[in-house]
N, C-alpha and C. Protein backbone atom coordinates (compact mmCIF):
# COMPACT_ATOMS: atom_id res chain seq x y z
N MET A 1 0.85 -1.18 0.00
CA MET A 1 0.00 0.00 0.00
C MET A 1 0.89 1.24 0.00
N THR A 2 0.51 2.21 -0.77
CA THR A 2 1.25 3.46 -0.87
C THR A 2 0.82 4.39 0.24
N SER A 3 1.80 4.99 0.92
CA SER A 3 1.46 5.95 1.97
C SER A 3 1.32 7.34 1.35
N VAL A 4 0.73 8.23 2.10
CA VAL A 4 0.57 9.60 1.63
C VAL A 4 1.92 10.22 1.33
N ILE A 5 2.91 9.90 2.15
CA ILE A 5 4.25 10.47 1.96
C ILE A 5 4.83 10.04 0.63
N ASP A 6 4.56 8.80 0.20
CA ASP A 6 5.09 8.30 -1.06
C ASP A 6 4.57 9.05 -2.28
N ILE A 7 3.37 9.62 -2.19
CA ILE A 7 2.79 10.27 -3.36
C ILE A 7 2.90 11.80 -3.33
N ARG A 8 3.53 12.35 -2.31
CA ARG A 8 3.72 13.80 -2.25
C ARG A 8 4.76 14.23 -3.26
N PRO A 9 4.55 15.39 -3.89
CA PRO A 9 5.57 15.87 -4.83
C PRO A 9 6.81 16.32 -4.08
N SER A 10 7.94 16.20 -4.74
CA SER A 10 9.19 16.70 -4.18
C SER A 10 9.30 18.18 -4.55
N ILE A 11 9.48 19.02 -3.54
CA ILE A 11 9.49 20.46 -3.76
C ILE A 11 10.79 21.05 -3.24
N ASP A 12 11.39 21.91 -4.05
CA ASP A 12 12.62 22.57 -3.63
C ASP A 12 12.33 23.53 -2.48
N PRO A 13 13.26 23.66 -1.53
CA PRO A 13 13.06 24.61 -0.43
C PRO A 13 12.87 26.04 -0.93
N THR A 14 11.96 26.75 -0.28
CA THR A 14 11.67 28.14 -0.62
C THR A 14 11.91 28.99 0.62
N PRO A 15 12.55 30.14 0.47
CA PRO A 15 12.76 31.00 1.64
C PRO A 15 11.42 31.33 2.32
N LEU A 16 11.43 31.31 3.64
CA LEU A 16 10.23 31.58 4.42
C LEU A 16 9.60 32.92 4.04
N ALA A 17 10.42 33.94 3.85
CA ALA A 17 9.89 35.26 3.51
C ALA A 17 9.09 35.21 2.21
N ARG A 18 9.51 34.39 1.26
CA ARG A 18 8.79 34.28 0.00
C ARG A 18 7.47 33.53 0.19
N VAL A 19 7.49 32.47 1.00
CA VAL A 19 6.28 31.69 1.25
C VAL A 19 5.22 32.57 1.92
N LEU A 20 5.66 33.46 2.80
CA LEU A 20 4.72 34.29 3.56
C LEU A 20 4.49 35.67 2.94
N ALA A 21 5.03 35.90 1.75
CA ALA A 21 4.85 37.20 1.08
C ALA A 21 3.37 37.47 0.88
N GLY A 22 2.94 38.68 1.23
CA GLY A 22 1.55 39.07 1.06
C GLY A 22 0.65 38.66 2.21
N ILE A 23 1.20 37.97 3.20
CA ILE A 23 0.42 37.54 4.36
C ILE A 23 0.71 38.52 5.50
N ASP A 24 -0.33 38.94 6.20
CA ASP A 24 -0.18 39.89 7.30
C ASP A 24 0.44 39.18 8.50
N ILE A 25 1.69 39.47 8.77
CA ILE A 25 2.44 38.84 9.86
C ILE A 25 2.56 39.81 11.02
N ASP A 26 2.22 39.34 12.22
CA ASP A 26 2.32 40.18 13.42
C ASP A 26 3.72 40.21 13.99
N GLY A 27 4.54 39.21 13.68
CA GLY A 27 5.90 39.18 14.19
C GLY A 27 6.62 37.91 13.82
N PHE A 28 7.94 38.00 13.79
CA PHE A 28 8.80 36.84 13.57
C PHE A 28 9.79 36.80 14.72
N TYR A 29 9.94 35.65 15.32
CA TYR A 29 10.77 35.49 16.52
C TYR A 29 11.76 34.37 16.30
N GLY A 30 13.01 34.65 16.67
CA GLY A 30 14.07 33.66 16.51
C GLY A 30 13.95 32.52 17.50
N VAL A 31 14.88 31.61 17.41
CA VAL A 31 14.92 30.43 18.27
C VAL A 31 14.91 30.83 19.75
N ASP A 32 15.51 31.97 20.07
CA ASP A 32 15.58 32.44 21.46
C ASP A 32 14.33 33.20 21.90
N GLY A 33 13.36 33.37 21.00
CA GLY A 33 12.13 34.07 21.33
C GLY A 33 12.20 35.57 21.12
N ALA A 34 13.36 36.08 20.72
CA ALA A 34 13.52 37.52 20.49
C ALA A 34 13.01 37.90 19.10
N PRO A 35 12.43 39.09 18.98
CA PRO A 35 12.00 39.55 17.66
C PRO A 35 13.16 39.53 16.67
N ALA A 36 12.86 39.14 15.45
CA ALA A 36 13.90 39.04 14.42
C ALA A 36 13.31 39.50 13.09
N SER A 37 14.16 39.61 12.09
CA SER A 37 13.74 40.01 10.75
C SER A 37 13.49 38.77 9.91
N ILE A 38 12.27 38.64 9.41
CA ILE A 38 11.96 37.49 8.58
C ILE A 38 12.73 37.56 7.26
N ASP A 39 13.00 38.77 6.77
CA ASP A 39 13.74 38.92 5.52
C ASP A 39 15.20 38.49 5.67
N ALA A 40 15.76 38.62 6.86
CA ALA A 40 17.14 38.23 7.11
C ALA A 40 17.25 36.76 7.53
N SER A 41 16.12 36.10 7.69
CA SER A 41 16.12 34.71 8.14
C SER A 41 16.63 33.78 7.05
N ASP A 42 17.35 32.75 7.47
CA ASP A 42 17.82 31.74 6.51
C ASP A 42 16.90 30.52 6.48
N VAL A 43 15.71 30.63 7.09
CA VAL A 43 14.76 29.52 7.13
C VAL A 43 14.16 29.32 5.74
N SER A 44 14.19 28.08 5.29
CA SER A 44 13.53 27.69 4.05
C SER A 44 12.53 26.59 4.37
N VAL A 45 11.48 26.52 3.59
CA VAL A 45 10.44 25.52 3.85
C VAL A 45 10.11 24.73 2.59
N THR A 46 9.61 23.51 2.83
CA THR A 46 9.24 22.64 1.73
C THR A 46 7.79 22.17 1.81
N GLY A 47 7.08 22.57 2.86
CA GLY A 47 5.68 22.18 3.00
C GLY A 47 5.06 22.85 4.20
N VAL A 48 3.78 22.57 4.40
CA VAL A 48 3.04 23.15 5.52
C VAL A 48 2.04 22.12 6.02
N THR A 49 1.86 22.06 7.34
CA THR A 49 0.92 21.12 7.92
C THR A 49 0.35 21.66 9.23
N VAL A 50 -0.83 21.19 9.58
CA VAL A 50 -1.44 21.50 10.87
C VAL A 50 -1.36 20.29 11.79
N SER A 51 -0.76 19.20 11.32
CA SER A 51 -0.67 17.96 12.10
C SER A 51 0.78 17.60 12.38
N SER A 52 1.13 17.47 13.65
CA SER A 52 2.49 17.07 14.00
C SER A 52 2.78 15.65 13.50
N ASP A 53 1.76 14.83 13.38
CA ASP A 53 1.93 13.46 12.87
C ASP A 53 2.28 13.44 11.39
N ASP A 54 1.95 14.50 10.69
CA ASP A 54 2.13 14.58 9.25
C ASP A 54 3.34 15.41 8.86
N CYS A 55 4.04 15.97 9.83
CA CYS A 55 5.12 16.90 9.57
C CYS A 55 6.35 16.19 8.99
N GLU A 56 7.03 16.90 8.12
CA GLU A 56 8.26 16.40 7.51
C GLU A 56 9.36 17.45 7.67
N PRO A 57 10.61 17.06 7.47
CA PRO A 57 11.71 18.01 7.59
C PRO A 57 11.52 19.21 6.65
N GLY A 58 11.73 20.40 7.21
CA GLY A 58 11.64 21.63 6.44
C GLY A 58 10.25 22.22 6.34
N TRP A 59 9.29 21.65 7.01
CA TRP A 59 7.92 22.13 6.89
C TRP A 59 7.59 23.20 7.92
N ILE A 60 6.55 23.98 7.62
CA ILE A 60 5.95 24.90 8.57
C ILE A 60 4.92 24.10 9.36
N PHE A 61 5.00 24.16 10.69
CA PHE A 61 3.95 23.56 11.52
C PHE A 61 3.05 24.68 11.98
N VAL A 62 1.77 24.59 11.64
CA VAL A 62 0.79 25.62 12.01
C VAL A 62 0.09 25.15 13.28
N ALA A 63 0.32 25.87 14.38
CA ALA A 63 -0.29 25.55 15.68
C ALA A 63 -1.55 26.39 15.84
N ILE A 64 -2.68 25.73 15.71
CA ILE A 64 -3.98 26.39 15.71
C ILE A 64 -4.62 26.28 17.10
N PRO A 65 -5.21 27.37 17.59
CA PRO A 65 -5.94 27.27 18.85
C PRO A 65 -7.23 26.46 18.65
N GLY A 66 -7.52 25.58 19.60
CA GLY A 66 -8.73 24.78 19.53
C GLY A 66 -9.70 25.14 20.65
N LEU A 67 -10.77 24.39 20.74
CA LEU A 67 -11.78 24.65 21.76
C LEU A 67 -11.28 24.33 23.16
N THR A 68 -10.50 23.25 23.29
CA THR A 68 -10.05 22.83 24.63
C THR A 68 -8.54 22.87 24.81
N GLN A 69 -7.80 22.95 23.72
CA GLN A 69 -6.33 23.00 23.84
C GLN A 69 -5.75 23.72 22.63
N HIS A 70 -4.52 24.13 22.75
CA HIS A 70 -3.84 24.86 21.68
C HIS A 70 -2.91 23.90 20.95
N GLY A 71 -2.86 24.05 19.63
CA GLY A 71 -2.00 23.20 18.81
C GLY A 71 -0.53 23.30 19.16
N ILE A 72 -0.13 24.33 19.89
CA ILE A 72 1.28 24.46 20.28
C ILE A 72 1.71 23.29 21.16
N ARG A 73 0.74 22.62 21.78
CA ARG A 73 1.06 21.43 22.59
C ARG A 73 1.74 20.35 21.76
N PHE A 74 1.51 20.37 20.46
CA PHE A 74 2.06 19.34 19.58
C PHE A 74 3.29 19.81 18.79
N ALA A 75 3.73 21.02 19.06
CA ALA A 75 4.85 21.60 18.33
C ALA A 75 6.14 20.83 18.56
N HIS A 76 6.36 20.34 19.78
CA HIS A 76 7.58 19.59 20.06
C HIS A 76 7.69 18.37 19.14
N ALA A 77 6.58 17.66 18.96
CA ALA A 77 6.58 16.49 18.07
C ALA A 77 6.84 16.92 16.63
N ALA A 78 6.29 18.05 16.22
CA ALA A 78 6.52 18.55 14.86
C ALA A 78 7.99 18.91 14.66
N ILE A 79 8.59 19.52 15.66
CA ILE A 79 10.01 19.88 15.57
C ILE A 79 10.86 18.62 15.52
N GLU A 80 10.52 17.63 16.32
CA GLU A 80 11.25 16.36 16.26
C GLU A 80 11.14 15.72 14.88
N ALA A 81 10.01 15.94 14.21
CA ALA A 81 9.81 15.40 12.87
C ALA A 81 10.51 16.23 11.80
N GLY A 82 11.02 17.41 12.20
CA GLY A 82 11.80 18.23 11.28
C GLY A 82 11.22 19.58 10.92
N ALA A 83 10.14 19.99 11.57
CA ALA A 83 9.57 21.31 11.27
C ALA A 83 10.65 22.38 11.39
N SER A 84 10.69 23.29 10.42
CA SER A 84 11.71 24.33 10.45
C SER A 84 11.21 25.61 11.11
N VAL A 85 9.89 25.75 11.23
CA VAL A 85 9.32 26.97 11.82
C VAL A 85 7.90 26.66 12.31
N ILE A 86 7.49 27.39 13.35
CA ILE A 86 6.14 27.28 13.88
C ILE A 86 5.38 28.54 13.48
N LEU A 87 4.17 28.39 12.98
CA LEU A 87 3.31 29.52 12.66
C LEU A 87 2.10 29.42 13.59
N THR A 88 1.86 30.47 14.37
CA THR A 88 0.80 30.41 15.36
C THR A 88 0.32 31.82 15.71
N ASP A 89 -0.60 31.90 16.66
CA ASP A 89 -1.10 33.18 17.14
C ASP A 89 -0.27 33.65 18.34
N GLU A 90 -0.68 34.76 18.94
CA GLU A 90 0.08 35.31 20.07
C GLU A 90 0.16 34.33 21.23
N GLU A 91 -0.95 33.71 21.59
CA GLU A 91 -0.94 32.74 22.69
C GLU A 91 0.04 31.60 22.41
N GLY A 92 0.04 31.10 21.19
CA GLY A 92 0.95 30.03 20.82
C GLY A 92 2.40 30.47 20.86
N ARG A 93 2.66 31.72 20.42
CA ARG A 93 4.04 32.23 20.46
C ARG A 93 4.55 32.31 21.88
N VAL A 94 3.72 32.82 22.78
CA VAL A 94 4.12 32.92 24.19
C VAL A 94 4.41 31.53 24.75
N GLN A 95 3.51 30.58 24.47
CA GLN A 95 3.72 29.22 24.96
C GLN A 95 4.95 28.57 24.34
N ALA A 96 5.21 28.85 23.07
CA ALA A 96 6.40 28.29 22.41
C ALA A 96 7.66 28.75 23.12
N HIS A 97 7.70 30.03 23.45
CA HIS A 97 8.87 30.57 24.15
C HIS A 97 8.97 29.97 25.56
N GLU A 98 7.84 29.88 26.27
CA GLU A 98 7.85 29.30 27.62
C GLU A 98 8.30 27.85 27.61
N ARG A 99 7.95 27.12 26.57
CA ARG A 99 8.31 25.70 26.46
C ARG A 99 9.73 25.50 25.95
N GLY A 100 10.36 26.58 25.49
CA GLY A 100 11.73 26.47 24.98
C GLY A 100 11.83 25.52 23.80
N LEU A 101 10.95 25.69 22.82
CA LEU A 101 10.88 24.74 21.71
C LEU A 101 12.12 24.76 20.81
N GLY A 102 12.83 25.88 20.78
CA GLY A 102 14.06 25.92 19.98
C GLY A 102 13.82 26.02 18.48
N ALA A 103 12.72 26.64 18.10
CA ALA A 103 12.42 26.85 16.68
C ALA A 103 11.93 28.27 16.49
N PRO A 104 12.18 28.84 15.32
CA PRO A 104 11.63 30.18 15.07
C PRO A 104 10.11 30.12 15.01
N VAL A 105 9.48 31.26 15.33
CA VAL A 105 8.02 31.33 15.36
C VAL A 105 7.55 32.54 14.55
N VAL A 106 6.55 32.30 13.72
CA VAL A 106 5.87 33.37 13.00
C VAL A 106 4.53 33.57 13.70
N GLN A 107 4.26 34.80 14.10
CA GLN A 107 2.98 35.11 14.77
C GLN A 107 2.05 35.79 13.78
N VAL A 108 0.83 35.26 13.71
CA VAL A 108 -0.22 35.85 12.88
C VAL A 108 -1.50 35.91 13.71
N ALA A 109 -2.45 36.70 13.27
CA ALA A 109 -3.70 36.84 14.02
C ALA A 109 -4.57 35.58 13.89
N ASP A 110 -4.59 34.98 12.72
CA ASP A 110 -5.48 33.84 12.46
C ASP A 110 -4.71 32.72 11.76
N PRO A 111 -4.03 31.85 12.52
CA PRO A 111 -3.25 30.79 11.89
C PRO A 111 -4.08 29.88 10.98
N ARG A 112 -5.30 29.58 11.38
CA ARG A 112 -6.15 28.70 10.57
C ARG A 112 -6.41 29.33 9.20
N GLY A 113 -6.64 30.62 9.18
CA GLY A 113 -6.93 31.31 7.93
C GLY A 113 -5.74 31.46 7.01
N ILE A 114 -4.53 31.31 7.53
CA ILE A 114 -3.31 31.48 6.75
C ILE A 114 -2.93 30.20 6.00
N VAL A 115 -3.39 29.06 6.48
CA VAL A 115 -2.97 27.76 5.92
C VAL A 115 -3.16 27.68 4.41
N PRO A 116 -4.33 28.03 3.87
CA PRO A 116 -4.48 27.91 2.41
C PRO A 116 -3.47 28.74 1.62
N ALA A 117 -3.19 29.95 2.08
CA ALA A 117 -2.22 30.80 1.37
C ALA A 117 -0.83 30.19 1.43
N CYS A 118 -0.44 29.65 2.58
CA CYS A 118 0.88 29.01 2.70
C CYS A 118 0.97 27.79 1.79
N ALA A 119 -0.07 26.98 1.80
CA ALA A 119 -0.08 25.78 0.96
C ALA A 119 -0.03 26.15 -0.52
N ARG A 120 -0.72 27.20 -0.89
CA ARG A 120 -0.76 27.62 -2.29
C ARG A 120 0.62 28.06 -2.77
N THR A 121 1.37 28.72 -1.92
CA THR A 121 2.70 29.17 -2.34
C THR A 121 3.68 28.01 -2.42
N ARG A 122 3.42 26.94 -1.68
CA ARG A 122 4.29 25.77 -1.70
C ARG A 122 3.94 24.82 -2.83
N THR A 123 2.68 24.64 -3.11
CA THR A 123 2.25 23.71 -4.18
C THR A 123 1.21 24.42 -5.04
N PRO A 124 1.66 25.28 -5.94
CA PRO A 124 0.73 26.03 -6.76
C PRO A 124 -0.12 25.10 -7.63
N LEU A 125 -1.33 25.54 -7.91
CA LEU A 125 -2.20 24.77 -8.78
C LEU A 125 -1.66 24.80 -10.21
N PRO A 126 -1.87 23.71 -10.95
CA PRO A 126 -1.43 23.74 -12.36
C PRO A 126 -2.23 24.75 -13.15
N PRO A 127 -1.67 25.26 -14.22
CA PRO A 127 -2.40 26.24 -15.03
C PRO A 127 -3.67 25.62 -15.62
N ARG A 128 -4.70 26.44 -15.72
CA ARG A 128 -5.96 25.97 -16.32
C ARG A 128 -5.83 25.98 -17.83
N ALA A 129 -6.45 25.00 -18.44
CA ALA A 129 -6.39 24.89 -19.91
C ALA A 129 -7.32 25.86 -20.58
């Protein structure tokens, strides 16, 4: 049986700043939790996911707030799987720093709403005939 990973396209790494171009970003924070410049960042990404179980090396892990818990709880597993950056809201950013996750964090107002735009820049749709 073929796994989902086997059928994913191979995508060249893209600079984080390019992936997030045109997206309203509230802040970018380095591994130490200090504000940093996303344009000066050397972070590149190859995919995006909201599931730590689905994360691969070089991907953006999107930590979404839920009804009973915040997705940042699963960020450690995503980082262990190779996530290169965490994208989350302010609450998630604060928790990421408190947990000492050791990954850069992009803060946005609505992480759930950003996912389609991030995915589109990573795997653009084929041209229409």
